[in-house]
C-alpha atoms as a PDB file:
ATOM      1  CA  UNK A   1     -15.151  -2.597   1.512  1.00  0.00           C
ATOM      2  CA  UNK A   2     -12.867  -5.341   2.725  1.00  0.00           C
ATOM      3  CA  UNK A   3     -12.647  -8.864   1.399  1.00  0.00           C
ATOM      4  CA  UNK A   4     -10.389 -11.789   2.104  1.00  0.00           C
ATOM      5  CA  UNK A   5      -9.828 -14.824  -0.071  1.00  0.00           C
ATOM      6  CA  UNK A   6      -8.462 -18.280   0.785  1.00  0.00           C
ATOM      7  CA  UNK A   7      -5.056 -19.133  -0.635  1.00  0.00           C
ATOM      8  CA  UNK A   8      -6.363 -22.157  -2.508  1.00  0.00           C
ATOM      9  CA  UNK A   9      -8.919 -20.272  -4.640  1.00  0.00           C
ATOM     10  CA  UNK A  10      -8.789 -19.916  -8.435  1.00  0.00           C
ATOM     11  CA  UNK A  11      -8.680 -16.102  -8.445  1.00  0.00           C
ATOM     12  CA  UNK A  12      -5.727 -14.343 -10.085  1.00  0.00           C
ATOM     13  CA  UNK A  13      -4.726 -10.801  -9.189  1.00  0.00           C
ATOM     14  CA  UNK A  14      -2.639  -8.380 -11.209  1.00  0.00           C
ATOM     15  CA  UNK A  15      -1.034  -5.086 -10.248  1.00  0.00           C
ATOM     16  CA  UNK A  16      -2.653  -2.445 -12.473  1.00  0.00           C
ATOM     17  CA  UNK A  17      -0.266   0.336 -11.470  1.00  0.00           C
ATOM     18  CA  UNK A  18       2.303   1.079  -8.801  1.00  0.00           C
ATOM     19  CA  UNK A  19       1.814   3.974  -6.397  1.00  0.00           C
ATOM     20  CA  UNK A  20       3.472   7.204  -7.527  1.00  0.00           C
ATOM     21  CA  UNK A  21       6.591   8.628  -5.907  1.00  0.00           C
ATOM     22  CA  UNK A  22       5.603  10.529  -2.770  1.00  0.00           C
ATOM     23  CA  UNK A  23       2.335   8.667  -2.201  1.00  0.00           C
ATOM     24  CA  UNK A  24       1.740   7.679   1.413  1.00  0.00           C
ATOM     25  CA  UNK A  25       0.746   4.179   2.471  1.00  0.00           C
ATOM     26  CA  UNK A  26      -1.177   3.524   5.663  1.00  0.00           C
ATOM     27  CA  UNK A  27      -0.163   0.031   6.750  1.00  0.00           C
ATOM     28  CA  UNK A  28      -1.208  -2.216   9.626  1.00  0.00           C
ATOM     29  CA  UNK A  29       1.165  -4.759  11.079  1.00  0.00           C
ATOM     30  CA  UNK A  30      -0.187  -8.297  11.042  1.00  0.00           C
ATOM     31  CA  UNK A  31       2.361 -10.707  12.445  1.00  0.00           C
ATOM     32  CA  UNK A  32       5.509 -10.311  10.352  1.00  0.00           C
ATOM     33  CA  UNK A  33       3.597  -8.808   7.428  1.00  0.00           C
ATOM     34  CA  UNK A  34       1.866  -5.525   6.666  1.00  0.00           C
ATOM     35  CA  UNK A  35      -1.608  -5.006   5.235  1.00  0.00           C
ATOM     36  CA  UNK A  36      -2.291  -1.954   3.065  1.00  0.00           C
ATOM     37  CA  UNK A  37      -5.218  -0.093   4.583  1.00  0.00           C
ATOM     38  CA  UNK A  38      -5.146   3.077   2.497  1.00  0.00           C
ATOM     39  CA  UNK A  39      -3.047   4.862  -0.134  1.00  0.00           C
ATOM     40  CA  UNK A  40      -3.071   8.648   0.183  1.00  0.00           C
ATOM     41  CA  UNK A  41      -1.737  11.441  -2.016  1.00  0.00           C
ATOM     42  CA  UNK A  42      -0.023  13.236   0.889  1.00  0.00           C
ATOM     43  CA  UNK A  43       1.066  12.740   4.498  1.00  0.00           C
ATOM     44  CA  UNK A  44      -1.648  15.145   5.602  1.00  0.00           C
ATOM     45  CA  UNK A  45      -4.325  13.098   3.797  1.00  0.00           C
ATOM     46  CA  UNK A  46      -2.936   9.869   5.300  1.00  0.00           C
ATOM     47  CA  UNK A  47      -2.973  11.308   8.816  1.00  0.00           C
ATOM     48  CA  UNK A  48      -6.530  12.569   8.320  1.00  0.00           C
ATOM     49  CA  UNK A  49      -7.651   9.134   7.067  1.00  0.00           C
ATOM     50  CA  UNK A  50      -5.946   7.455  10.020  1.00  0.00           C
ATOM     51  CA  UNK A  51      -7.597   9.866  12.484  1.00  0.00           C
ATOM     52  CA  UNK A  52     -11.001   8.936  11.055  1.00  0.00           C
ATOM     53  CA  UNK A  53     -10.227   5.203  10.823  1.00  0.00           C
ATOM     54  CA  UNK A  54      -8.435   4.130  13.970  1.00  0.00           C
ATOM     55  CA  UNK A  55      -6.153   1.110  13.816  1.00  0.00           C
ATOM     56  CA  UNK A  56      -3.984   0.189  16.794  1.00  0.00           C
ATOM     57  CA  UNK A  57      -1.009  -1.117  14.798  1.00  0.00           C
ATOM     58  CA  UNK A  58      -1.117   1.287  11.851  1.00  0.00           C
ATOM     59  CA  UNK A  59       1.882   3.139  10.502  1.00  0.00           C
ATOM     60  CA  UNK A  60       2.526   5.610   7.692  1.00  0.00           C
ATOM     61  CA  UNK A  61       5.131   4.941   5.010  1.00  0.00           C
ATOM     62  CA  UNK A  62       6.097   7.098   2.019  1.00  0.00           C
ATOM     63  CA  UNK A  63       6.748   5.588  -1.420  1.00  0.00           C
ATOM     64  CA  UNK A  64      10.436   6.365  -1.842  1.00  0.00           C
ATOM     65  CA  UNK A  65      12.446   7.371  -4.909  1.00  0.00           C
ATOM     66  CA  UNK A  66      14.551   4.214  -4.477  1.00  0.00           C
ATOM     67  CA  UNK A  67      11.434   2.038  -4.587  1.00  0.00           C
ATOM     68  CA  UNK A  68      10.076   3.809  -7.684  1.00  0.00           C
ATOM     69  CA  UNK A  69      13.481   3.526  -9.407  1.00  0.00           C
ATOM     70  CA  UNK A  70      13.732  -0.194  -8.573  1.00  0.00           C
ATOM     71  CA  UNK A  71      10.326  -0.811 -10.152  1.00  0.00           C
ATOM     72  CA  UNK A  72      11.480   0.892 -13.353  1.00  0.00           C
ATOM     73  CA  UNK A  73      14.906  -0.772 -13.476  1.00  0.00           C
ATOM     74  CA  UNK A  74      13.533  -4.243 -12.753  1.00  0.00           C
ATOM     75  CA  UNK A  75      10.790  -3.836 -15.344  1.00  0.00           C
ATOM     76  CA  UNK A  76       7.993  -3.826 -12.809  1.00  0.00           C
ATOM     77  CA  UNK A  77       6.595  -0.448 -13.796  1.00  0.00           C
ATOM     78  CA  UNK A  78       3.152  -0.725 -15.373  1.00  0.00           C
ATOM     79  CA  UNK A  79       3.122   0.257 -19.035  1.00  0.00           C
END
């Protein structure tokens, strides 16, 4: 399911949890930004998802240790 919302709506979104270290994001480039298409547990699962769901500008990116550490240090880790 995919939904988009206008910027001037009254909805509020909250991050429930951050992806774990080693998770693999499948991202699609949109202009200067990236849209998260899928979050997989492994590179193999991400590649399989991407093979089944073709996107011309998609890329795979691993959640790094530096990113996970920054979330914890900066207090962004979900409790």
